[in-house]
Every structure is written in C-alpha cells, then in structure tokens.
Amino acid sequence: MESSEGKGLAKRAWDRYAATVNKTITPALMPLIRPGAQAVARQQVVDLVGFWLMWQLHGGFEGLEQFGLHRSTIYRKVSKFRQAFGEHPDVYEFPGVTIDYDAYWKAAAEKYGPRPS
C-alpha cells in the first residue's frame, strides 16, 4: 500500500544523489569552502551574541521593538539564536558573562538620554 508520501521514489533518488555527492565532491571542495564558511560563521556568532546582549539590556521582545527593531527582524534573530545556541535568548546564559544593568543604563542615560519606558 502506498503511503501519503507516495512510493518513496524521489526520496530514494535523493538519498543516492546525496550519498554520491558526500563521498566524491564534498571532500574535494571543503578545503576551498571552509575558510569562507568559517568567516561567515564567526560573523553570525558575533551578531547573535550582540543580539543576546541587547535582548537582555532592553528587556526582551518589546524592549527591542521599542528600541527600533522591526518585529520580523526580532523573530528572525530569535530563531537564528535558538538554532545556534539551542535555547531562547531569554533563558540562555553565557558562562562567565554578567551584566551590570544599572551601570549600562546610567552611562546610556548620560550619553543618549533616559531609558525608554
């Protein structure tokens, strides 16, 4: 009896193709691709750590929205953060990192004005 996915012909064809690529092409291309991929990955980590910090300092979703980030940008970054770190930025804690909220907002108020409500 056929399943809701059909007979599985496309899946078997894809699996054979992927196995062939992974055995032959991927090892040959990795030395060429790896430096660029690592540079992109580093930039993504820096971006997500900055997002996490701003999430913490500005009180999460609503604070970032009030700060000026678009809702879809926040959702996209939360999704990327979960994918990279395995947890929501609201609950994730970077080992060894603490935030002095009072010092941040005091310095920010002196430079940029009072904290938004």
N, C-alpha and C. Protein backbone atom coordinates (compact mmCIF):
# COMPACT_ATOMS: atom_id res chain seq x y z
N MET A 1 0.83 -1.18 0.00
CA MET A 1 0.00 0.00 0.00
C MET A 1 0.88 1.25 0.00
N GLU A 2 0.52 2.23 -0.80
CA GLU A 2 1.30 3.46 -0.87
C GLU A 2 1.05 4.31 0.37
N SER A 3 2.12 5.04 0.76
CA SER A 3 1.98 5.93 1.91
C SER A 3 1.52 7.30 1.42
N SER A 4 1.28 8.21 2.37
CA SER A 4 0.88 9.56 1.99
C SER A 4 1.99 10.29 1.24
N GLU A 5 3.21 9.80 1.37
CA GLU A 5 4.35 10.39 0.65
C GLU A 5 4.55 9.77 -0.73
N GLY A 6 3.73 8.83 -1.10
CA GLY A 6 3.89 8.15 -2.39
C GLY A 6 4.68 6.86 -2.21
N LYS A 7 5.39 6.46 -3.25
CA LYS A 7 6.16 5.21 -3.21
C LYS A 7 7.58 5.42 -2.69
N GLY A 8 7.95 6.65 -2.45
CA GLY A 8 9.29 6.92 -1.94
C GLY A 8 10.35 6.93 -3.01
N LEU A 9 9.95 7.03 -4.28
CA LEU A 9 10.93 7.01 -5.37
C LEU A 9 11.83 8.24 -5.33
N ALA A 10 11.24 9.40 -5.13
CA ALA A 10 12.02 10.64 -5.10
C ALA A 10 12.98 10.63 -3.91
N LYS A 11 12.55 10.13 -2.78
CA LYS A 11 13.39 10.07 -1.58
C LYS A 11 14.59 9.16 -1.82
N ARG A 12 14.35 8.00 -2.42
CA ARG A 12 15.47 7.09 -2.70
C ARG A 12 16.45 7.71 -3.70
N ALA A 13 15.92 8.38 -4.71
CA ALA A 13 16.79 9.03 -5.70
C ALA A 13 17.63 10.13 -5.03
N TRP A 14 16.98 10.92 -4.17
CA TRP A 14 17.71 11.98 -3.47
C TRP A 14 18.78 11.40 -2.56
N ASP A 15 18.46 10.35 -1.84
CA ASP A 15 19.42 9.72 -0.94
C ASP A 15 20.64 9.20 -1.70
N ARG A 16 20.43 8.59 -2.87
CA ARG A 16 21.55 8.11 -3.70
C ARG A 16 22.40 9.29 -4.17
N TYR A 17 21.74 10.35 -4.63
CA TYR A 17 22.46 11.54 -5.10
C TYR A 17 23.28 12.15 -3.96
N ALA A 18 22.67 12.35 -2.80
CA ALA A 18 23.35 12.97 -1.66
C ALA A 18 24.53 12.12 -1.22
N ALA A 19 24.37 10.80 -1.20
CA ALA A 19 25.47 9.92 -0.80
C ALA A 19 26.65 10.05 -1.77
N THR A 20 26.36 10.13 -3.07
CA THR A 20 27.42 10.26 -4.07
C THR A 20 28.15 11.59 -3.91
N VAL A 21 27.39 12.67 -3.75
CA VAL A 21 27.99 14.00 -3.57
C VAL A 21 28.86 14.01 -2.32
N ASN A 22 28.34 13.48 -1.23
CA ASN A 22 29.07 13.50 0.04
C ASN A 22 30.36 12.68 -0.03
N LYS A 23 30.40 11.64 -0.87
CA LYS A 23 31.60 10.81 -1.00
C LYS A 23 32.63 11.40 -1.95
N THR A 24 32.18 12.08 -3.00
CA THR A 24 33.11 12.50 -4.04
C THR A 24 33.36 14.00 -4.08
N ILE A 25 32.33 14.78 -4.18
CA ILE A 25 32.50 16.23 -4.39
C ILE A 25 32.81 16.98 -3.11
N THR A 26 32.10 16.68 -2.04
CA THR A 26 32.27 17.42 -0.79
C THR A 26 33.71 17.39 -0.29
N PRO A 27 34.39 16.23 -0.21
CA PRO A 27 35.78 16.25 0.27
C PRO A 27 36.71 17.09 -0.60
N ALA A 28 36.45 17.13 -1.88
CA ALA A 28 37.31 17.92 -2.78
C ALA A 28 37.07 19.42 -2.61
N LEU A 29 35.83 19.81 -2.33
CA LEU A 29 35.51 21.23 -2.23
C LEU A 29 35.73 21.82 -0.84
N MET A 30 35.72 21.00 0.19
CA MET A 30 35.80 21.52 1.55
C MET A 30 37.02 22.41 1.81
N PRO A 31 38.22 22.06 1.33
CA PRO A 31 39.35 22.97 1.57
C PRO A 31 39.13 24.36 0.94
N LEU A 32 38.36 24.42 -0.12
CA LEU A 32 38.08 25.70 -0.76
C LEU A 32 36.96 26.46 -0.05
N ILE A 33 35.99 25.73 0.45
CA ILE A 33 34.79 26.33 1.05
C ILE A 33 35.01 26.70 2.52
N ARG A 34 35.77 25.88 3.24
CA ARG A 34 35.90 26.04 4.70
C ARG A 34 36.31 27.44 5.14
N PRO A 35 37.33 28.09 4.56
CA PRO A 35 37.70 29.42 5.06
C PRO A 35 36.55 30.44 4.96
N GLY A 36 35.85 30.42 3.87
CA GLY A 36 34.72 31.35 3.72
C GLY A 36 33.58 31.02 4.66
N ALA A 37 33.30 29.74 4.82
CA ALA A 37 32.23 29.31 5.73
C ALA A 37 32.57 29.68 7.17
N GLN A 38 33.83 29.52 7.56
CA GLN A 38 34.23 29.88 8.91
C GLN A 38 34.11 31.38 9.15
N ALA A 39 34.44 32.18 8.15
CA ALA A 39 34.31 33.63 8.29
C ALA A 39 32.84 34.03 8.47
N VAL A 40 31.97 33.42 7.70
CA VAL A 40 30.54 33.69 7.82
C VAL A 40 30.03 33.25 9.18
N ALA A 41 30.45 32.09 9.63
CA ALA A 41 30.02 31.57 10.93
C ALA A 41 30.48 32.48 12.06
N ARG A 42 31.71 32.96 11.99
CA ARG A 42 32.21 33.88 13.02
C ARG A 42 31.36 35.14 13.07
N GLN A 43 31.04 35.70 11.93
CA GLN A 43 30.22 36.91 11.88
C GLN A 43 28.83 36.66 12.43
N GLN A 44 28.26 35.51 12.15
CA GLN A 44 26.94 35.16 12.68
C GLN A 44 26.97 35.07 14.20
N VAL A 45 28.02 34.46 14.76
CA VAL A 45 28.14 34.34 16.21
C VAL A 45 28.25 35.72 16.85
N VAL A 46 29.08 36.58 16.27
CA VAL A 46 29.22 37.94 16.80
C VAL A 46 27.87 38.65 16.78
N ASP A 47 27.16 38.54 15.69
CA ASP A 47 25.84 39.17 15.55
C ASP A 47 24.87 38.63 16.60
N LEU A 48 24.84 37.32 16.80
CA LEU A 48 23.90 36.72 17.74
C LEU A 48 24.26 37.02 19.20
N VAL A 49 25.54 37.11 19.51
CA VAL A 49 25.93 37.48 20.88
C VAL A 49 25.51 38.92 21.14
N GLY A 50 25.70 39.79 20.17
CA GLY A 50 25.23 41.17 20.30
C GLY A 50 23.72 41.25 20.45
N PHE A 51 23.01 40.44 19.70
CA PHE A 51 21.55 40.39 19.81
C PHE A 51 21.15 39.94 21.21
N TRP A 52 21.81 38.91 21.73
CA TRP A 52 21.51 38.42 23.07
C TRP A 52 21.73 39.52 24.10
N LEU A 53 22.84 40.25 23.98
CA LEU A 53 23.13 41.32 24.92
C LEU A 53 22.06 42.41 24.87
N MET A 54 21.69 42.81 23.66
CA MET A 54 20.64 43.83 23.53
C MET A 54 19.31 43.31 24.05
N TRP A 55 19.02 42.04 23.83
CA TRP A 55 17.79 41.42 24.36
C TRP A 55 17.78 41.56 25.87
N GLN A 56 18.90 41.25 26.51
CA GLN A 56 18.98 41.32 27.97
C GLN A 56 18.87 42.77 28.45
N LEU A 57 19.60 43.67 27.83
CA LEU A 57 19.64 45.06 28.29
C LEU A 57 18.32 45.80 28.07
N HIS A 58 17.61 45.43 27.02
CA HIS A 58 16.40 46.17 26.67
C HIS A 58 15.12 45.44 27.04
N GLY A 59 15.23 44.35 27.76
CA GLY A 59 14.05 43.70 28.30
C GLY A 59 13.29 42.82 27.34
N GLY A 60 13.97 42.23 26.38
CA GLY A 60 13.32 41.26 25.51
C GLY A 60 12.65 41.87 24.29
N PHE A 61 11.63 41.16 23.82
CA PHE A 61 10.99 41.48 22.55
C PHE A 61 10.47 42.91 22.51
N GLU A 62 9.66 43.27 23.50
CA GLU A 62 9.04 44.59 23.49
C GLU A 62 10.08 45.70 23.57
N GLY A 63 11.13 45.47 24.39
CA GLY A 63 12.19 46.46 24.50
C GLY A 63 12.95 46.66 23.20
N LEU A 64 13.21 45.58 22.49
CA LEU A 64 13.90 45.70 21.21
C LEU A 64 13.02 46.36 20.17
N GLU A 65 11.73 46.07 20.24
CA GLU A 65 10.81 46.71 19.32
C GLU A 65 10.76 48.22 19.60
N GLN A 66 10.73 48.58 20.87
CA GLN A 66 10.73 49.99 21.24
C GLN A 66 12.06 50.64 20.87
N PHE A 67 13.13 49.87 20.92
CA PHE A 67 14.46 50.35 20.54
C PHE A 67 14.52 50.67 19.05
N GLY A 68 13.63 50.04 18.26
CA GLY A 68 13.58 50.34 16.83
C GLY A 68 13.72 49.15 15.91
N LEU A 69 13.91 47.96 16.45
CA LEU A 69 13.99 46.78 15.59
C LEU A 69 12.60 46.39 15.12
N HIS A 70 12.50 45.97 13.89
CA HIS A 70 11.23 45.52 13.33
C HIS A 70 10.88 44.16 13.90
N ARG A 71 9.59 43.90 14.08
CA ARG A 71 9.13 42.63 14.66
C ARG A 71 9.68 41.43 13.90
N SER A 72 9.65 41.49 12.58
CA SER A 72 10.14 40.33 11.81
C SER A 72 11.63 40.13 12.01
N THR A 73 12.38 41.20 12.21
CA THR A 73 13.82 41.08 12.47
C THR A 73 14.04 40.39 13.81
N ILE A 74 13.26 40.77 14.80
CA ILE A 74 13.40 40.15 16.12
C ILE A 74 13.07 38.67 16.05
N TYR A 75 11.95 38.32 15.41
CA TYR A 75 11.58 36.91 15.26
C TYR A 75 12.68 36.12 14.54
N ARG A 76 13.22 36.71 13.48
CA ARG A 76 14.26 36.03 12.70
C ARG A 76 15.51 35.80 13.55
N LYS A 77 15.90 36.81 14.32
CA LYS A 77 17.09 36.68 15.14
C LYS A 77 16.88 35.70 16.30
N VAL A 78 15.68 35.69 16.87
CA VAL A 78 15.38 34.71 17.92
C VAL A 78 15.51 33.30 17.35
N SER A 79 14.97 33.11 16.15
CA SER A 79 15.05 31.80 15.50
C SER A 79 16.50 31.40 15.25
N LYS A 80 17.30 32.32 14.73
CA LYS A 80 18.72 32.03 14.49
C LYS A 80 19.45 31.75 15.80
N PHE A 81 19.11 32.51 16.84
CA PHE A 81 19.75 32.31 18.13
C PHE A 81 19.45 30.91 18.66
N ARG A 82 18.18 30.51 18.59
CA ARG A 82 17.79 29.16 19.05
C ARG A 82 18.56 28.09 18.27
N GLN A 83 18.66 28.31 16.96
CA GLN A 83 19.34 27.33 16.12
C GLN A 83 20.82 27.23 16.50
N ALA A 84 21.45 28.36 16.78
CA ALA A 84 22.88 28.36 17.07
C ALA A 84 23.20 27.92 18.50
N PHE A 85 22.38 28.35 19.48
CA PHE A 85 22.72 28.11 20.88
C PHE A 85 21.79 27.13 21.58
N GLY A 86 20.73 26.71 20.91
CA GLY A 86 19.86 25.68 21.45
C GLY A 86 18.84 26.15 22.47
N GLU A 87 18.79 27.44 22.75
CA GLU A 87 17.84 27.99 23.71
C GLU A 87 17.39 29.37 23.27
N HIS A 88 16.29 29.80 23.84
CA HIS A 88 15.76 31.14 23.59
C HIS A 88 16.69 32.15 24.27
N PRO A 89 16.89 33.34 23.68
CA PRO A 89 17.78 34.33 24.31
C PRO A 89 17.31 34.78 25.69
N ASP A 90 16.05 34.58 26.01
CA ASP A 90 15.53 34.95 27.31
C ASP A 90 16.07 34.05 28.42
N VAL A 91 16.37 32.81 28.10
CA VAL A 91 16.82 31.86 29.12
C VAL A 91 18.29 31.48 28.98
N TYR A 92 18.89 31.73 27.84
CA TYR A 92 20.28 31.34 27.64
C TYR A 92 21.19 32.23 28.49
N GLU A 93 22.20 31.61 29.08
CA GLU A 93 23.21 32.35 29.83
C GLU A 93 24.58 31.98 29.30
N PHE A 94 25.36 32.98 28.95
CA PHE A 94 26.73 32.72 28.53
C PHE A 94 27.57 32.50 29.78
N PRO A 95 28.25 31.38 29.88
CA PRO A 95 29.08 31.12 31.07
C PRO A 95 30.12 32.22 31.25
N GLY A 96 30.17 32.75 32.46
CA GLY A 96 31.16 33.77 32.78
C GLY A 96 30.76 35.18 32.42
N VAL A 97 29.60 35.36 31.83
CA VAL A 97 29.17 36.71 31.42
C VAL A 97 28.09 37.19 32.38
N THR A 98 28.34 38.35 32.97
CA THR A 98 27.33 39.00 33.80
C THR A 98 27.11 40.41 33.27
N ILE A 99 25.92 40.93 33.51
CA ILE A 99 25.57 42.25 33.00
C ILE A 99 25.25 43.17 34.17
N ASP A 100 25.89 44.31 34.21
CA ASP A 100 25.59 45.33 35.21
C ASP A 100 24.60 46.30 34.58
N TYR A 101 23.31 46.00 34.75
CA TYR A 101 22.26 46.79 34.12
C TYR A 101 22.28 48.24 34.57
N ASP A 102 22.47 48.44 35.87
CA ASP A 102 22.47 49.81 36.40
C ASP A 102 23.58 50.65 35.78
N ALA A 103 24.78 50.09 35.69
CA ALA A 103 25.90 50.82 35.10
C ALA A 103 25.64 51.12 33.63
N TYR A 104 25.08 50.15 32.91
CA TYR A 104 24.79 50.36 31.49
C TYR A 104 23.79 51.50 31.31
N TRP A 105 22.68 51.44 32.02
CA TRP A 105 21.64 52.45 31.83
C TRP A 105 22.05 53.82 32.36
N LYS A 106 22.90 53.85 33.38
CA LYS A 106 23.41 55.14 33.86
C LYS A 106 24.27 55.79 32.78
N ALA A 107 25.20 55.00 32.21
CA ALA A 107 26.07 55.53 31.15
C ALA A 107 25.27 55.88 29.90
N ALA A 108 24.29 55.03 29.56
CA ALA A 108 23.47 55.32 28.38
C ALA A 108 22.65 56.58 28.58
N ALA A 109 22.12 56.78 29.77
CA ALA A 109 21.33 57.98 30.05
C ALA A 109 22.17 59.24 29.93
N GLU A 110 23.41 59.17 30.38
CA GLU A 110 24.29 60.32 30.29
C GLU A 110 24.63 60.66 28.84
N LYS A 111 24.73 59.63 28.02
CA LYS A 111 25.12 59.84 26.62
C LYS A 111 23.94 60.04 25.69
N TYR A 112 22.86 59.26 25.90
CA TYR A 112 21.77 59.26 24.95
C TYR A 112 20.43 59.73 25.50
N GLY A 113 20.34 59.92 26.79
CA GLY A 113 19.07 60.29 27.39
C GLY A 113 18.51 59.15 28.21
N PRO A 114 17.39 59.39 28.89
CA PRO A 114 16.85 58.39 29.81
C PRO A 114 16.40 57.12 29.10
N ARG A 115 16.34 56.05 29.89
CA ARG A 115 15.87 54.75 29.40
C ARG A 115 14.42 54.87 28.94
N PRO A 116 14.11 54.29 27.78
CA PRO A 116 12.71 54.31 27.34
C PRO A 116 11.82 53.55 28.31
N SER A 117 10.58 53.95 28.38
CA SER A 117 9.65 53.26 29.30
C SER A 117 9.11 52.00 28.69
